[in-house]
Amino acid sequence: MEFTIDRDGRPRRVAIVRSHPEQVFDRAGLEALKGWRYQAGPENPTATPALLSVKLDFTLAGGSGEPMPLPAQCG
């Protein structure tokens, strides 16, 4: 997934770059990102919007059939 972090630390303009299996976990990934918040660090003290990409790996847990996102890596 690729997205821009706005000045408030919220992901915006989210795009699914690649998914496998296609479209199976896309909605769950988008929902997960809605709850993410970022804080400006020393390399970006003025909170300038930034482009980020992340890979999410999903696993089914609890027998409910609901996917749970697990952050894999940031890039």
PDB file of N, CA and C in Angstrom:
ATOM      1  N   MET A   1       0.850  -1.156   0.000  1.00  0.00           N
ATOM      2  CA  MET A   1       0.000   0.000   0.000  1.00  0.00           C
ATOM      3  C   MET A   1       0.899   1.223   0.000  1.00  0.00           C
ATOM      4  N   GLU A   2       0.427   2.240  -0.671  1.00  0.00           N
ATOM      5  CA  GLU A   2       1.174   3.483  -0.735  1.00  0.00           C
ATOM      6  C   GLU A   2       0.230   4.604  -0.338  1.00  0.00           C
ATOM      7  N   PHE A   3       0.738   5.584   0.424  1.00  0.00           N
ATOM      8  CA  PHE A   3      -0.108   6.659   0.895  1.00  0.00           C
ATOM      9  C   PHE A   3       0.731   7.850   1.311  1.00  0.00           C
ATOM     10  N   THR A   4       0.063   8.982   1.467  1.00  0.00           N
ATOM     11  CA  THR A   4       0.694  10.204   1.945  1.00  0.00           C
ATOM     12  C   THR A   4       0.291  10.413   3.395  1.00  0.00           C
ATOM     13  N   ILE A   5       1.269  10.788   4.220  1.00  0.00           N
ATOM     14  CA  ILE A   5       0.977  11.157   5.608  1.00  0.00           C
ATOM     15  C   ILE A   5       0.767  12.666   5.617  1.00  0.00           C
ATOM     16  N   ASP A   6      -0.421  13.110   6.061  1.00  0.00           N
ATOM     17  CA  ASP A   6      -0.692  14.544   6.079  1.00  0.00           C
ATOM     18  C   ASP A   6      -0.060  15.193   7.313  1.00  0.00           C
ATOM     19  N   ARG A   7      -0.218  16.493   7.459  1.00  0.00           N
ATOM     20  CA  ARG A   7       0.395  17.233   8.576  1.00  0.00           C
ATOM     21  C   ARG A   7      -0.118  16.774   9.940  1.00  0.00           C
ATOM     22  N   ASP A   8      -1.316  16.188   9.972  1.00  0.00           N
ATOM     23  CA  ASP A   8      -1.885  15.682  11.226  1.00  0.00           C
ATOM     24  C   ASP A   8      -1.472  14.251  11.521  1.00  0.00           C
ATOM     25  N   GLY A   9      -0.663  13.644  10.637  1.00  0.00           N
ATOM     26  CA  GLY A   9      -0.185  12.286  10.849  1.00  0.00           C
ATOM     27  C   GLY A   9      -1.126  11.200  10.367  1.00  0.00           C
ATOM     28  N   ARG A  10      -2.124  11.574   9.583  1.00  0.00           N
ATOM     29  CA  ARG A  10      -3.097  10.599   9.083  1.00  0.00           C
ATOM     30  C   ARG A  10      -2.752  10.167   7.650  1.00  0.00           C
ATOM     31  N   PRO A  11      -2.956   8.874   7.344  1.00  0.00           N
ATOM     32  CA  PRO A  11      -2.737   8.412   5.969  1.00  0.00           C
ATOM     33  C   PRO A  11      -3.823   8.965   5.041  1.00  0.00           C
ATOM     34  N   ARG A  12      -3.410   9.494   3.901  1.00  0.00           N
ATOM     35  CA  ARG A  12      -4.328  10.039   2.887  1.00  0.00           C
ATOM     36  C   ARG A  12      -3.917   9.510   1.521  1.00  0.00           C
ATOM     37  N   ARG A  13      -4.828   9.590   0.562  1.00  0.00           N
ATOM     38  CA  ARG A  13      -4.569   9.140  -0.822  1.00  0.00           C
ATOM     39  C   ARG A  13      -3.963   7.738  -0.834  1.00  0.00           C
ATOM     40  N   VAL A  14      -4.646   6.841  -0.174  1.00  0.00           N
ATOM     41  CA  VAL A  14      -4.169   5.457  -0.057  1.00  0.00           C
ATOM     42  C   VAL A  14      -4.407   4.719  -1.373  1.00  0.00           C
ATOM     43  N   ALA A  15      -3.401   3.985  -1.808  1.00  0.00           N
ATOM     44  CA  ALA A  15      -3.510   3.200  -3.040  1.00  0.00           C
ATOM     45  C   ALA A  15      -2.997   1.784  -2.774  1.00  0.00           C
ATOM     46  N   ILE A  16      -3.718   0.814  -3.280  1.00  0.00           N
ATOM     47  CA  ILE A  16      -3.271  -0.573  -3.235  1.00  0.00           C
ATOM     48  C   ILE A  16      -2.305  -0.747  -4.409  1.00  0.00           C
ATOM     49  N   VAL A  17      -1.045  -0.980  -4.122  1.00  0.00           N
ATOM     50  CA  VAL A  17      -0.044  -1.132  -5.173  1.00  0.00           C
ATOM     51  C   VAL A  17      -0.060  -2.554  -5.708  1.00  0.00           C
ATOM     52  N   ARG A  18      -0.149  -3.519  -4.802  1.00  0.00           N
ATOM     53  CA  ARG A  18      -0.175  -4.928  -5.202  1.00  0.00           C
ATOM     54  C   ARG A  18      -0.846  -5.717  -4.091  1.00  0.00           C
ATOM     55  N   SER A  19      -1.629  -6.709  -4.460  1.00  0.00           N
ATOM     56  CA  SER A  19      -2.237  -7.585  -3.457  1.00  0.00           C
ATOM     57  C   SER A  19      -2.276  -9.013  -3.985  1.00  0.00           C
ATOM     58  N   HIS A  20      -2.120  -9.931  -3.058  1.00  0.00           N
ATOM     59  CA  HIS A  20      -2.159 -11.348  -3.426  1.00  0.00           C
ATOM     60  C   HIS A  20      -2.749 -12.135  -2.265  1.00  0.00           C
ATOM     61  N   PRO A  21      -3.797 -12.867  -2.467  1.00  0.00           N
ATOM     62  CA  PRO A  21      -4.598 -12.942  -3.684  1.00  0.00           C
ATOM     63  C   PRO A  21      -5.304 -11.604  -3.939  1.00  0.00           C
ATOM     64  N   GLU A  22      -5.465 -11.276  -5.206  1.00  0.00           N
ATOM     65  CA  GLU A  22      -6.021  -9.984  -5.595  1.00  0.00           C
ATOM     66  C   GLU A  22      -7.359  -9.714  -4.935  1.00  0.00           C
ATOM     67  N   GLN A  23      -7.479  -8.522  -4.355  1.00  0.00           N
ATOM     68  CA  GLN A  23      -8.699  -7.959  -3.773  1.00  0.00           C
ATOM     69  C   GLN A  23      -9.222  -8.689  -2.544  1.00  0.00           C
ATOM     70  N   VAL A  24      -8.604  -9.767  -2.113  1.00  0.00           N
ATOM     71  CA  VAL A  24      -9.133 -10.528  -0.979  1.00  0.00           C
ATOM     72  C   VAL A  24      -9.016  -9.737   0.324  1.00  0.00           C
ATOM     73  N   PHE A  25      -7.874  -9.074   0.556  1.00  0.00           N
ATOM     74  CA  PHE A  25      -7.657  -8.356   1.810  1.00  0.00           C
ATOM     75  C   PHE A  25      -7.579  -6.842   1.617  1.00  0.00           C
ATOM     76  N   ASP A  26      -7.901  -6.356   0.432  1.00  0.00           N
ATOM     77  CA  ASP A  26      -7.798  -4.920   0.157  1.00  0.00           C
ATOM     78  C   ASP A  26      -8.631  -4.082   1.120  1.00  0.00           C
ATOM     79  N   ARG A  27      -9.868  -4.451   1.318  1.00  0.00           N
ATOM     80  CA  ARG A  27     -10.749  -3.679   2.195  1.00  0.00           C
ATOM     81  C   ARG A  27     -10.229  -3.686   3.631  1.00  0.00           C
ATOM     82  N   ALA A  28      -9.768  -4.842   4.097  1.00  0.00           N
ATOM     83  CA  ALA A  28      -9.231  -4.936   5.458  1.00  0.00           C
ATOM     84  C   ALA A  28      -7.984  -4.067   5.605  1.00  0.00           C
ATOM     85  N   GLY A  29      -7.146  -4.007   4.575  1.00  0.00           N
ATOM     86  CA  GLY A  29      -5.962  -3.156   4.611  1.00  0.00           C
ATOM     87  C   GLY A  29      -6.327  -1.684   4.682  1.00  0.00           C
ATOM     88  N   LEU A  30      -7.298  -1.278   3.886  1.00  0.00           N
ATOM     89  CA  LEU A  30      -7.754   0.111   3.909  1.00  0.00           C
ATOM     90  C   LEU A  30      -8.350   0.474   5.265  1.00  0.00           C
ATOM     91  N   GLU A  31      -9.128  -0.427   5.835  1.00  0.00           N
ATOM     92  CA  GLU A  31      -9.714  -0.185   7.161  1.00  0.00           C
ATOM     93  C   GLU A  31      -8.630  -0.074   8.231  1.00  0.00           C
ATOM     94  N   ALA A  32      -7.618  -0.913   8.151  1.00  0.00           N
ATOM     95  CA  ALA A  32      -6.522  -0.876   9.132  1.00  0.00           C
ATOM     96  C   ALA A  32      -5.802   0.471   9.077  1.00  0.00           C
ATOM     97  N   LEU A  33      -5.542   0.970   7.876  1.00  0.00           N
ATOM     98  CA  LEU A  33      -4.826   2.235   7.745  1.00  0.00           C
ATOM     99  C   LEU A  33      -5.604   3.411   8.312  1.00  0.00           C
ATOM    100  N   LYS A  34      -6.925   3.332   8.337  1.00  0.00           N
ATOM    101  CA  LYS A  34      -7.731   4.419   8.891  1.00  0.00           C
ATOM    102  C   LYS A  34      -7.372   4.707  10.344  1.00  0.00           C
ATOM    103  N   GLY A  35      -6.926   3.684  11.069  1.00  0.00           N
ATOM    104  CA  GLY A  35      -6.605   3.870  12.484  1.00  0.00           C
ATOM    105  C   GLY A  35      -5.153   4.247  12.753  1.00  0.00           C
ATOM    106  N   TRP A  36      -4.331   4.287  11.716  1.00  0.00           N
ATOM    107  CA  TRP A  36      -2.915   4.601  11.905  1.00  0.00           C
ATOM    108  C   TRP A  36      -2.700   6.096  12.060  1.00  0.00           C
ATOM    109  N   ARG A  37      -1.744   6.469  12.949  1.00  0.00           N
ATOM    110  CA  ARG A  37      -1.335   7.860  13.137  1.00  0.00           C
ATOM    111  C   ARG A  37       0.179   7.902  13.226  1.00  0.00           C
ATOM    112  N   TYR A  38       0.754   8.904  12.627  1.00  0.00           N
ATOM    113  CA  TYR A  38       2.202   9.081  12.637  1.00  0.00           C
ATOM    114  C   TYR A  38       2.540  10.388  13.338  1.00  0.00           C
ATOM    115  N   GLN A  39       3.705  10.439  13.967  1.00  0.00           N
ATOM    116  CA  GLN A  39       4.208  11.662  14.576  1.00  0.00           C
ATOM    117  C   GLN A  39       5.463  12.087  13.835  1.00  0.00           C
ATOM    118  N   ALA A  40       5.610  13.399  13.655  1.00  0.00           N
ATOM    119  CA  ALA A  40       6.809  13.909  12.996  1.00  0.00           C
ATOM    120  C   ALA A  40       8.025  13.584  13.853  1.00  0.00           C
ATOM    121  N   GLY A  41       9.083  13.148  13.204  1.00  0.00           N
ATOM    122  CA  GLY A  41      10.327  12.832  13.895  1.00  0.00           C
ATOM    123  C   GLY A  41      11.366  13.911  13.656  1.00  0.00           C
ATOM    124  N   PRO A  42      12.569  13.699  14.158  1.00  0.00           N
ATOM    125  CA  PRO A  42      13.632  14.692  14.013  1.00  0.00           C
ATOM    126  C   PRO A  42      13.995  14.996  12.555  1.00  0.00           C
ATOM    127  N   GLU A  43      13.792  14.013  11.669  1.00  0.00           N
ATOM    128  CA  GLU A  43      14.103  14.243  10.261  1.00  0.00           C
ATOM    129  C   GLU A  43      13.021  15.044   9.539  1.00  0.00           C
ATOM    130  N   ASN A  44      11.863  15.262  10.189  1.00  0.00           N
ATOM    131  CA  ASN A  44      10.746  15.996   9.594  1.00  0.00           C
ATOM    132  C   ASN A  44      10.054  16.816  10.682  1.00  0.00           C
ATOM    133  N   PRO A  45      10.755  17.750  11.334  1.00  0.00           N
ATOM    134  CA  PRO A  45      10.193  18.466  12.487  1.00  0.00           C
ATOM    135  C   PRO A  45       9.011  19.374  12.154  1.00  0.00           C
ATOM    136  N   THR A  46       8.855  19.776  10.902  1.00  0.00           N
ATOM    137  CA  THR A  46       7.739  20.649  10.539  1.00  0.00           C
ATOM    138  C   THR A  46       6.526  19.868  10.062  1.00  0.00           C
ATOM    139  N   ALA A  47       6.573  18.552  10.156  1.00  0.00           N
ATOM    140  CA  ALA A  47       5.456  17.683   9.754  1.00  0.00           C
ATOM    141  C   ALA A  47       5.054  17.899   8.298  1.00  0.00           C
ATOM    142  N   THR A  48       6.032  17.971   7.426  1.00  0.00           N
ATOM    143  CA  THR A  48       5.774  18.075   5.996  1.00  0.00           C
ATOM    144  C   THR A  48       5.160  16.770   5.515  1.00  0.00           C
ATOM    145  N   PRO A  49       4.074  16.823   4.719  1.00  0.00           N
ATOM    146  CA  PRO A  49       3.492  15.585   4.206  1.00  0.00           C
ATOM    147  C   PRO A  49       4.546  14.727   3.511  1.00  0.00           C
ATOM    148  N   ALA A  50       4.434  13.422   3.695  1.00  0.00           N
ATOM    149  CA  ALA A  50       5.431  12.495   3.151  1.00  0.00           C
ATOM    150  C   ALA A  50       4.745  11.287   2.523  1.00  0.00           C
ATOM    151  N   LEU A  51       5.372  10.748   1.489  1.00  0.00           N
ATOM    152  CA  LEU A  51       4.877   9.551   0.820  1.00  0.00           C
ATOM    153  C   LEU A  51       5.481   8.323   1.496  1.00  0.00           C
ATOM    154  N   LEU A  52       4.650   7.348   1.822  1.00  0.00           N
ATOM    155  CA  LEU A  52       5.101   6.113   2.462  1.00  0.00           C
ATOM    156  C   LEU A  52       4.531   4.919   1.727  1.00  0.00           C
ATOM    157  N   SER A  53       5.217   3.804   1.845  1.00  0.00           N
ATOM    158  CA  SER A  53       4.664   2.544   1.359  1.00  0.00           C
ATOM    159  C   SER A  53       4.898   1.495   2.434  1.00  0.00           C
ATOM    160  N   VAL A  54       3.925   0.618   2.607  1.00  0.00           N
ATOM    161  CA  VAL A  54       4.017  -0.464   3.579  1.00  0.00           C
ATOM    162  C   VAL A  54       3.499  -1.745   2.949  1.00  0.00           C
ATOM    163  N   LYS A  55       3.994  -2.834   3.469  1.00  0.00           N
ATOM    164  CA  LYS A  55       3.495  -4.149   3.083  1.00  0.00           C
ATOM    165  C   LYS A  55       2.762  -4.699   4.306  1.00  0.00           C
ATOM    166  N   LEU A  56       1.537  -5.123   4.110  1.00  0.00           N
ATOM    167  CA  LEU A  56       0.765  -5.737   5.190  1.00  0.00           C
ATOM    168  C   LEU A  56       0.634  -7.220   4.907  1.00  0.00           C
ATOM    169  N   ASP A  57       0.936  -8.038   5.895  1.00  0.00           N
ATOM    170  CA  ASP A  57       0.698  -9.478   5.809  1.00  0.00           C
ATOM    171  C   ASP A  57      -0.491  -9.773   6.712  1.00  0.00           C
ATOM    172  N   PHE A  58      -1.388 -10.618   6.265  1.00  0.00           N
ATOM    173  CA  PHE A  58      -2.581 -10.949   7.032  1.00  0.00           C
ATOM    174  C   PHE A  58      -2.539 -12.403   7.463  1.00  0.00           C
ATOM    175  N   THR A  59      -3.140 -12.643   8.631  1.00  0.00           N
ATOM    176  CA  THR A  59      -3.335 -14.002   9.113  1.00  0.00           C
ATOM    177  C   THR A  59      -4.747 -14.085   9.673  1.00  0.00           C
ATOM    178  N   LEU A  60      -5.377 -15.234   9.550  1.00  0.00           N
ATOM    179  CA  LEU A  60      -6.706 -15.425  10.133  1.00  0.00           C
ATOM    180  C   LEU A  60      -6.516 -15.937  11.547  1.00  0.00           C
ATOM    181  N   ALA A  61      -7.212 -15.328  12.476  1.00  0.00           N
ATOM    182  CA  ALA A  61      -7.031 -15.688  13.879  1.00  0.00           C
ATOM    183  C   ALA A  61      -8.373 -15.789  14.577  1.00  0.00           C
ATOM    184  N   GLY A  62      -8.426 -16.579  15.610  1.00  0.00           N
ATOM    185  CA  GLY A  62      -9.609 -16.645  16.456  1.00  0.00           C
ATOM    186  C   GLY A  62     -10.783 -17.380  15.852  1.00  0.00           C
ATOM    187  N   GLY A  63     -10.637 -17.929  14.683  1.00  0.00           N
ATOM    188  CA  GLY A  63     -11.720 -18.691  14.085  1.00  0.00           C
ATOM    189  C   GLY A  63     -12.895 -17.847  13.624  1.00  0.00           C
ATOM    190  N   SER A  64     -12.805 -16.520  13.740  1.00  0.00           N
ATOM    191  CA  SER A  64     -13.929 -15.674  13.344  1.00  0.00           C
ATOM    192  C   SER A  64     -13.963 -15.443  11.837  1.00  0.00           C
ATOM    193  N   GLY A  65     -12.853 -15.755  11.159  1.00  0.00           N
ATOM    194  CA  GLY A  65     -12.794 -15.512   9.737  1.00  0.00           C
ATOM    195  C   GLY A  65     -12.439 -14.079   9.395  1.00  0.00           C
ATOM    196  N   GLU A  66     -12.290 -13.224  10.416  1.00  0.00           N
ATOM    197  CA  GLU A  66     -11.921 -11.838  10.178  1.00  0.00           C
ATOM    198  C   GLU A  66     -10.412 -11.715  10.045  1.00  0.00           C
ATOM    199  N   PRO A  67      -9.917 -11.104   8.966  1.00  0.00           N
ATOM    200  CA  PRO A  67      -8.471 -10.943   8.811  1.00  0.00           C
ATOM    201  C   PRO A  67      -7.919  -9.909   9.772  1.00  0.00           C
ATOM    202  N   MET A  68      -6.706 -10.156  10.241  1.00  0.00           N
ATOM    203  CA  MET A  68      -6.021  -9.218  11.128  1.00  0.00           C
ATOM    204  C   MET A  68      -4.729  -8.776  10.457  1.00  0.00           C
ATOM    205  N   PRO A  69      -4.539  -7.440  10.263  1.00  0.00           N
ATOM    206  CA  PRO A  69      -3.316  -6.986   9.606  1.00  0.00           C
ATOM    207  C   PRO A  69      -2.126  -7.046  10.534  1.00  0.00           C
ATOM    208  N   LEU A  70      -1.006  -7.437   9.996  1.00  0.00           N
ATOM    209  CA  LEU A  70       0.259  -7.443  10.728  1.00  0.00           C
ATOM    210  C   LEU A  70       1.253  -6.622   9.917  1.00  0.00           C
ATOM    211  N   PRO A  71       1.715  -5.470  10.446  1.00  0.00           N
ATOM    212  CA  PRO A  71       2.690  -4.697   9.676  1.00  0.00           C
ATOM    213  C   PRO A  71       3.929  -5.532   9.400  1.00  0.00           C
ATOM    214  N   ALA A  72       4.367  -5.574   8.171  1.00  0.00           N
ATOM    215  CA  ALA A  72       5.526  -6.380   7.801  1.00  0.00           C
ATOM    216  C   ALA A  72       6.780  -5.521   7.729  1.00  0.00           C
ATOM    217  N   GLN A  73       6.709  -4.421   6.992  1.00  0.00           N
ATOM    218  CA  GLN A  73       7.875  -3.549   6.893  1.00  0.00           C
ATOM    219  C   GLN A  73       7.469  -2.220   6.308  1.00  0.00           C
ATOM    220  N   CYS A  74       8.182  -1.211   6.645  1.00  0.00           N
ATOM    221  CA  CYS A  74       7.958   0.127   6.091  1.00  0.00           C
ATOM    222  C   CYS A  74       9.064   0.416   5.100  1.00  0.00           C
ATOM    223  N   GLY A  75       8.754   1.202   4.124  1.00  0.00           N
ATOM    224  CA  GLY A  75       9.784   1.514   3.143  1.00  0.00           C
ATOM    225  C   GLY A  75       9.634   2.852   2.538  1.00  0.00           C
TER     226      GLY A  75
END
